[in-house]
PDB file of N, CA and C in Angstrom:
ATOM      1  N   MET A   1      -0.270 -14.009 -10.325  1.00  0.00           N
ATOM      2  CA  MET A   1      -0.007 -12.676  -9.832  1.00  0.00           C
ATOM      3  C   MET A   1      -1.326 -12.175  -9.038  1.00  0.00           C
ATOM      4  N   GLU A   2      -2.521 -12.712  -9.392  1.00  0.00           N
ATOM      5  CA  GLU A   2      -3.793 -12.268  -8.734  1.00  0.00           C
ATOM      6  C   GLU A   2      -3.733 -13.034  -7.349  1.00  0.00           C
ATOM      7  N   GLU A   3      -3.384 -13.937  -7.288  1.00  0.00           N
ATOM      8  CA  GLU A   3      -3.079 -14.957  -5.944  1.00  0.00           C
ATOM      9  C   GLU A   3      -2.385 -14.334  -5.019  1.00  0.00           C
ATOM     10  N   ARG A   4      -0.883 -13.686  -5.523  1.00  0.00           N
ATOM     11  CA  ARG A   4      -0.247 -12.886  -4.833  1.00  0.00           C
ATOM     12  C   ARG A   4      -0.745 -11.683  -4.184  1.00  0.00           C
ATOM     13  N   ARG A   5      -1.538 -10.937  -5.055  1.00  0.00           N
ATOM     14  CA  ARG A   5      -2.494  -9.630  -4.642  1.00  0.00           C
ATOM     15  C   ARG A   5      -3.228  -9.958  -3.509  1.00  0.00           C
ATOM     16  N   ASP A   6      -4.280 -10.964  -3.568  1.00  0.00           N
ATOM     17  CA  ASP A   6      -5.135 -11.730  -2.612  1.00  0.00           C
ATOM     18  C   ASP A   6      -4.167 -11.842  -1.270  1.00  0.00           C
ATOM     19  N   GLU A   7      -3.139 -12.327  -1.389  1.00  0.00           N
ATOM     20  CA  GLU A   7      -2.512 -12.635  -0.044  1.00  0.00           C
ATOM     21  C   GLU A   7      -2.075 -11.208   0.479  1.00  0.00           C
ATOM     22  N   ALA A   8      -1.426 -10.314  -0.410  1.00  0.00           N
ATOM     23  CA  ALA A   8      -0.983  -9.130  -0.065  1.00  0.00           C
ATOM     24  C   ALA A   8      -2.293  -8.270   0.584  1.00  0.00           C
ATOM     25  N   VAL A   9      -3.441  -8.469   0.182  1.00  0.00           N
ATOM     26  CA  VAL A   9      -4.576  -7.884   0.697  1.00  0.00           C
ATOM     27  C   VAL A   9      -5.137  -8.317   2.019  1.00  0.00           C
ATOM     28  N   ASP A  10      -4.689  -9.717   2.236  1.00  0.00           N
ATOM     29  CA  ASP A  10      -4.961 -10.591   3.618  1.00  0.00           C
ATOM     30  C   ASP A  10      -4.154 -10.170   4.615  1.00  0.00           C
ATOM     31  N   GLU A  11      -2.854  -9.914   4.165  1.00  0.00           N
ATOM     32  CA  GLU A  11      -1.857  -9.385   5.243  1.00  0.00           C
ATOM     33  C   GLU A  11      -1.930  -8.242   5.482  1.00  0.00           C
ATOM     34  N   ARG A  12      -2.286  -7.221   4.436  1.00  0.00           N
ATOM     35  CA  ARG A  12      -2.351  -5.752   5.083  1.00  0.00           C
ATOM     36  C   ARG A  12      -3.755  -5.632   5.889  1.00  0.00           C
ATOM     37  N   ALA A  13      -4.777  -6.366   5.704  1.00  0.00           N
ATOM     38  CA  ALA A  13      -5.946  -6.316   6.336  1.00  0.00           C
ATOM     39  C   ALA A  13      -5.909  -6.903   7.579  1.00  0.00           C
ATOM     40  N   ALA A  14      -5.098  -7.879   7.947  1.00  0.00           N
ATOM     41  CA  ALA A  14      -4.699  -8.448   9.227  1.00  0.00           C
ATOM     42  C   ALA A  14      -3.796  -7.241   9.976  1.00  0.00           C
ATOM     43  N   GLU A  15      -2.890  -6.658   9.337  1.00  0.00           N
ATOM     44  CA  GLU A  15      -2.142  -5.639   9.883  1.00  0.00           C
ATOM     45  C   GLU A  15      -3.175  -4.233  10.502  1.00  0.00           C
ATOM     46  N   LEU A  16      -3.960  -3.905   9.520  1.00  0.00           N
ATOM     47  CA  LEU A  16      -5.010  -2.950   9.911  1.00  0.00           C
ATOM     48  C   LEU A  16      -5.849  -3.318  11.244  1.00  0.00           C
ATOM     49  N   GLN A  17      -5.973  -4.474  11.193  1.00  0.00           N
ATOM     50  CA  GLN A  17      -6.938  -4.861  12.331  1.00  0.00           C
ATOM     51  C   GLN A  17      -6.186  -4.831  13.817  1.00  0.00           C
ATOM     52  N   VAL A  18      -4.925  -5.120  13.610  1.00  0.00           N
ATOM     53  CA  VAL A  18      -4.135  -4.790  14.822  1.00  0.00           C
ATOM     54  C   VAL A  18      -3.484  -3.531  15.165  1.00  0.00           C
ATOM     55  N   GLU A  19      -3.369  -2.729  14.164  1.00  0.00           N
ATOM     56  CA  GLU A  19      -2.637  -1.361  14.064  1.00  0.00           C
ATOM     57  C   GLU A  19      -3.780  -0.282  14.497  1.00  0.00           C
ATOM     58  N   THR A  20      -5.025  -0.500  14.526  1.00  0.00           N
ATOM     59  CA  THR A  20      -6.026   0.724  14.596  1.00  0.00           C
ATOM     60  C   THR A  20      -7.016   0.345  15.680  1.00  0.00           C
ATOM     61  N   ASP A  21      -7.600   1.346  16.214  1.00  0.00           N
ATOM     62  CA  ASP A  21      -8.527   1.216  17.147  1.00  0.00           C
ATOM     63  C   ASP A  21      -9.820   1.466  16.789  1.00  0.00           C
ATOM     64  N   ASP A  22      -9.937   1.243  15.241  1.00  0.00           N
ATOM     65  CA  ASP A  22     -11.119   1.712  14.603  1.00  0.00           C
ATOM     66  C   ASP A  22     -11.951   0.523  14.646  1.00  0.00           C
ATOM     67  N   GLU A  23     -13.183   0.501  15.464  1.00  0.00           N
ATOM     68  CA  GLU A  23     -14.031  -0.433  15.590  1.00  0.00           C
ATOM     69  C   GLU A  23     -14.615  -1.225  14.305  1.00  0.00           C
ATOM     70  N   ASP A  24     -14.903  -0.361  13.053  1.00  0.00           N
ATOM     71  CA  ASP A  24     -15.137  -0.813  12.107  1.00  0.00           C
ATOM     72  C   ASP A  24     -14.318  -1.692  11.443  1.00  0.00           C
ATOM     73  N   LEU A  25     -12.909  -1.688  11.544  1.00  0.00           N
ATOM     74  CA  LEU A  25     -11.972  -2.558  11.104  1.00  0.00           C
ATOM     75  C   LEU A  25     -12.050  -4.011  11.833  1.00  0.00           C
ATOM     76  N   GLU A  26     -12.714  -4.175  12.695  1.00  0.00           N
ATOM     77  CA  GLU A  26     -12.705  -5.496  13.276  1.00  0.00           C
ATOM     78  C   GLU A  26     -13.418  -6.532  12.573  1.00  0.00           C
ATOM     79  N   ASP A  27     -14.248  -6.062  11.653  1.00  0.00           N
ATOM     80  CA  ASP A  27     -15.019  -6.652  10.455  1.00  0.00           C
ATOM     81  C   ASP A  27     -13.931  -7.145   9.561  1.00  0.00           C
ATOM     82  N   PRO A  28     -13.727  -8.457   9.206  1.00  0.00           N
ATOM     83  CA  PRO A  28     -12.576  -8.820   8.444  1.00  0.00           C
ATOM     84  C   PRO A  28     -12.988  -8.261   7.035  1.00  0.00           C
ATOM     85  N   GLU A  29     -14.183  -8.183   6.510  1.00  0.00           N
ATOM     86  CA  GLU A  29     -14.273  -7.647   5.083  1.00  0.00           C
ATOM     87  C   GLU A  29     -14.244  -6.244   5.052  1.00  0.00           C
ATOM     88  N   VAL A  30     -14.429  -5.430   6.129  1.00  0.00           N
ATOM     89  CA  VAL A  30     -14.261  -4.128   6.127  1.00  0.00           C
ATOM     90  C   VAL A  30     -12.793  -3.836   5.917  1.00  0.00           C
ATOM     91  N   ALA A  31     -11.866  -4.642   6.760  1.00  0.00           N
ATOM     92  CA  ALA A  31     -10.529  -4.480   6.931  1.00  0.00           C
ATOM     93  C   ALA A  31      -9.964  -4.990   5.547  1.00  0.00           C
ATOM     94  N   ARG A  32     -10.682  -5.920   4.892  1.00  0.00           N
ATOM     95  CA  ARG A  32      -9.856  -6.506   3.559  1.00  0.00           C
ATOM     96  C   ARG A  32     -10.372  -5.369   2.644  1.00  0.00           C
ATOM     97  N   ASP A  33     -11.468  -4.742   2.465  1.00  0.00           N
ATOM     98  CA  ASP A  33     -11.769  -3.658   1.681  1.00  0.00           C
ATOM     99  C   ASP A  33     -10.890  -2.649   1.786  1.00  0.00           C
ATOM    100  N   ALA A  34     -10.576  -2.279   2.821  1.00  0.00           N
ATOM    101  CA  ALA A  34      -9.761  -1.039   3.189  1.00  0.00           C
ATOM    102  C   ALA A  34      -8.221  -1.348   2.779  1.00  0.00           C
ATOM    103  N   ALA A  35      -7.801  -2.477   3.132  1.00  0.00           N
ATOM    104  CA  ALA A  35      -6.348  -2.907   2.647  1.00  0.00           C
ATOM    105  C   ALA A  35      -6.534  -2.964   1.100  1.00  0.00           C
ATOM    106  N   ASN A  36      -7.443  -3.291   0.309  1.00  0.00           N
ATOM    107  CA  ASN A  36      -7.426  -3.355  -0.966  1.00  0.00           C
ATOM    108  C   ASN A  36      -7.252  -1.983  -1.388  1.00  0.00           C
ATOM    109  N   GLN A  37      -8.113  -1.121  -1.021  1.00  0.00           N
ATOM    110  CA  GLN A  37      -7.997   0.225  -1.484  1.00  0.00           C
ATOM    111  C   GLN A  37      -6.805   1.002  -1.039  1.00  0.00           C
ATOM    112  N   ILE A  38      -6.227   0.419   0.051  1.00  0.00           N
ATOM    113  CA  ILE A  38      -4.676   1.185   0.139  1.00  0.00           C
ATOM    114  C   ILE A  38      -3.824   0.793  -0.680  1.00  0.00           C
ATOM    115  N   LEU A  39      -3.802  -0.819  -1.059  1.00  0.00           N
ATOM    116  CA  LEU A  39      -2.743  -1.405  -1.763  1.00  0.00           C
ATOM    117  C   LEU A  39      -3.103  -0.867  -3.402  1.00  0.00           C
ATOM    118  N   LYS A  40      -4.280  -0.615  -3.896  1.00  0.00           N
ATOM    119  CA  LYS A  40      -4.568  -0.111  -5.072  1.00  0.00           C
ATOM    120  C   LYS A  40      -4.040   1.318  -5.372  1.00  0.00           C
ATOM    121  N   GLU A  41      -4.277   2.042  -4.400  1.00  0.00           N
ATOM    122  CA  GLU A  41      -3.787   3.565  -4.564  1.00  0.00           C
ATOM    123  C   GLU A  41      -2.157   3.450  -4.573  1.00  0.00           C
ATOM    124  N   SER A  42      -1.748   2.676  -3.802  1.00  0.00           N
ATOM    125  CA  SER A  42      -0.229   2.545  -3.640  1.00  0.00           C
ATOM    126  C   SER A  42       0.291   2.179  -5.227  1.00  0.00           C
ATOM    127  N   ARG A  43      -0.182   1.306  -5.709  1.00  0.00           N
ATOM    128  CA  ARG A  43       0.006   0.682  -7.259  1.00  0.00           C
ATOM    129  C   ARG A  43      -0.397   1.790  -8.134  1.00  0.00           C
ATOM    130  N   GLU A  44      -1.264   2.586  -7.920  1.00  0.00           N
ATOM    131  CA  GLU A  44      -1.630   3.917  -8.853  1.00  0.00           C
ATOM    132  C   GLU A  44      -0.500   4.948  -8.573  1.00  0.00           C
ATOM    133  N   ARG A  45      -0.011   5.196  -7.521  1.00  0.00           N
ATOM    134  CA  ARG A  45       1.086   5.961  -7.312  1.00  0.00           C
ATOM    135  C   ARG A  45       2.198   5.543  -7.751  1.00  0.00           C
ATOM    136  N   THR A  46       2.485   4.537  -7.931  1.00  0.00           N
ATOM    137  CA  THR A  46       3.789   3.715  -8.407  1.00  0.00           C
ATOM    138  C   THR A  46       3.588   3.682  -9.939  1.00  0.00           C
ATOM    139  N   ASP A  47       2.707   3.686 -10.314  1.00  0.00           N
ATOM    140  CA  ASP A  47       2.576   3.611 -11.906  1.00  0.00           C
ATOM    141  C   ASP A  47       2.531   5.174 -12.426  1.00  0.00           C
ATOM    142  N   GLN A  48       1.978   5.873 -11.657  1.00  0.00           N
ATOM    143  CA  GLN A  48       2.230   7.489 -11.743  1.00  0.00           C
ATOM    144  C   GLN A  48       3.645   8.159 -11.797  1.00  0.00           C
ATOM    145  N   ALA A  49       4.380   7.460 -11.034  1.00  0.00           N
ATOM    146  CA  ALA A  49       5.698   7.909 -10.896  1.00  0.00           C
ATOM    147  C   ALA A  49       6.466   7.867 -12.379  1.00  0.00           C
ATOM    148  N   GLU A  50       6.133   6.978 -13.151  1.00  0.00           N
ATOM    149  CA  GLU A  50       6.974   7.206 -14.411  1.00  0.00           C
ATOM    150  C   GLU A  50       6.657   8.313 -15.291  1.00  0.00           C
ATOM    151  N   ASP A  51       5.315   8.888 -14.788  1.00  0.00           N
ATOM    152  CA  ASP A  51       5.021  10.015 -15.664  1.00  0.00           C
ATOM    153  C   ASP A  51       5.314  11.296 -15.235  1.00  0.00           C
ATOM    154  N   LEU A  52       6.170  11.464 -13.695  1.00  0.00           N
ATOM    155  CA  LEU A  52       6.379  12.508 -13.080  1.00  0.00           C
ATOM    156  C   LEU A  52       7.702  13.177 -13.512  1.00  0.00           C
ATOM    157  N   ASP A  53       7.918  14.261 -13.851  1.00  0.00           N
ATOM    158  CA  ASP A  53       9.102  15.197 -13.964  1.00  0.00           C
ATOM    159  C   ASP A  53       9.894  14.744 -12.697  1.00  0.00           C
ATOM    160  N   PRO A  54      11.345  14.217 -12.322  1.00  0.00           N
ATOM    161  CA  PRO A  54      12.024  14.396 -11.170  1.00  0.00           C
ATOM    162  C   PRO A  54      12.317  15.493 -11.024  1.00  0.00           C
ATOM    163  N   ASP A  55      12.497  16.723 -11.672  1.00  0.00           N
ATOM    164  CA  ASP A  55      12.737  17.956 -11.374  1.00  0.00           C
ATOM    165  C   ASP A  55      11.738  18.874 -10.767  1.00  0.00           C
ATOM    166  N   ASP A  56      10.494  18.379 -10.858  1.00  0.00           N
ATOM    167  CA  ASP A  56       9.253  19.044 -10.560  1.00  0.00           C
ATOM    168  C   ASP A  56       9.247  19.088  -8.924  1.00  0.00           C
ATOM    169  N   ASP A  57       9.153  20.506  -8.379  1.00  0.00           N
ATOM    170  CA  ASP A  57       8.970  20.555  -6.931  1.00  0.00           C
ATOM    171  C   ASP A  57       8.383  19.781  -6.237  1.00  0.00           C
ATOM    172  N   VAL A  58       6.900  19.672  -6.643  1.00  0.00           N
ATOM    173  CA  VAL A  58       6.087  18.756  -5.936  1.00  0.00           C
ATOM    174  C   VAL A  58       6.217  17.395  -5.772  1.00  0.00           C
ATOM    175  N   VAL A  59       7.262  16.667  -6.527  1.00  0.00           N
ATOM    176  CA  VAL A  59       7.662  15.237  -6.459  1.00  0.00           C
ATOM    177  C   VAL A  59       8.509  14.998  -5.066  1.00  0.00           C
ATOM    178  N   ILE A  60       7.920  14.084  -4.480  1.00  0.00           N
ATOM    179  CA  ILE A  60       8.593  13.724  -3.023  1.00  0.00           C
ATOM    180  C   ILE A  60       9.845  12.712  -3.519  1.00  0.00           C
ATOM    181  N   ARG A  61      10.904  13.054  -2.952  1.00  0.00           N
ATOM    182  CA  ARG A  61      12.081  12.213  -3.054  1.00  0.00           C
ATOM    183  C   ARG A  61      12.524  11.863  -1.868  1.00  0.00           C
ATOM    184  N   ARG A  62      12.875  10.365  -1.886  1.00  0.00           N
ATOM    185  CA  ARG A  62      13.375   9.640  -0.858  1.00  0.00           C
ATOM    186  C   ARG A  62      14.970   9.006  -1.236  1.00  0.00           C
ATOM    187  N   SER A  63      15.238   9.097  -0.072  1.00  0.00           N
ATOM    188  CA  SER A  63      16.889   8.074   0.016  1.00  0.00           C
ATOM    189  C   SER A  63      16.641   6.924  -0.544  1.00  0.00           C
ATOM    190  N   SER A  64      17.741   6.131  -0.862  1.00  0.00           N
ATOM    191  CA  SER A  64      17.517   4.786  -1.541  1.00  0.00           C
ATOM    192  C   SER A  64      17.473   3.892  -0.094  1.00  0.00           C
ATOM    193  N   GLU A  65      17.752   4.344   1.102  1.00  0.00           N
ATOM    194  CA  GLU A  65      17.705   3.536   2.399  1.00  0.00           C
ATOM    195  C   GLU A  65      16.081   3.622   2.793  1.00  0.00           C
ATOM    196  N   GLU A  66      15.219   4.473   2.441  1.00  0.00           N
ATOM    197  CA  GLU A  66      13.856   4.431   2.344  1.00  0.00           C
ATOM    198  C   GLU A  66      13.183   3.920   1.659  1.00  0.00           C
ATOM    199  N   THR A  67      13.558   3.724   0.472  1.00  0.00           N
ATOM    200  CA  THR A  67      12.580   3.060  -0.529  1.00  0.00           C
ATOM    201  C   THR A  67      13.408   1.437  -1.002  1.00  0.00           C
ATOM    202  N   ALA A  68      14.447   1.167  -0.144  1.00  0.00           N
ATOM    203  CA  ALA A  68      14.982  -0.256  -0.718  1.00  0.00           C
ATOM    204  C   ALA A  68      14.164  -1.282  -0.120  1.00  0.00           C
ATOM    205  N   ALA A  69      13.600  -2.099  -1.126  1.00  0.00           N
ATOM    206  CA  ALA A  69      12.894  -3.290  -0.437  1.00  0.00           C
ATOM    207  C   ALA A  69      13.769  -4.530  -0.254  1.00  0.00           C
ATOM    208  N   ASP A  70      12.974  -5.193   0.592  1.00  0.00           N
ATOM    209  CA  ASP A  70      13.980  -6.514   1.066  1.00  0.00           C
ATOM    210  C   ASP A  70      13.778  -7.421  -0.069  1.00  0.00           C
ATOM    211  N   PRO A  71      14.715  -8.121  -0.364  1.00  0.00           N
ATOM    212  CA  PRO A  71      14.552  -9.086  -1.592  1.00  0.00           C
ATOM    213  C   PRO A  71      13.760 -10.245  -1.128  1.00  0.00           C
ATOM    214  N   GLU A  72      12.879 -10.637  -2.040  1.00  0.00           N
ATOM    215  CA  GLU A  72      11.874 -11.751  -1.848  1.00  0.00           C
ATOM    216  C   GLU A  72      12.648 -13.219  -1.765  1.00  0.00           C
TER     217      GLU A  72
END
């Protein structure tokens, strides 16, 4: 699982380097740190979702088309 997370961080870091004009992200370590933080926050939001009341007005709802993941 850790190897897969490292791969996801590396892939996201590469995307960040291509997608942005931020010169700081040209440094691979800076891009990797940023990607790691993005993915960490995403995992935290996913974990937190279990604790949210679906009827709460502050909960963002998405259609299944927006959240459907491609099978691996």
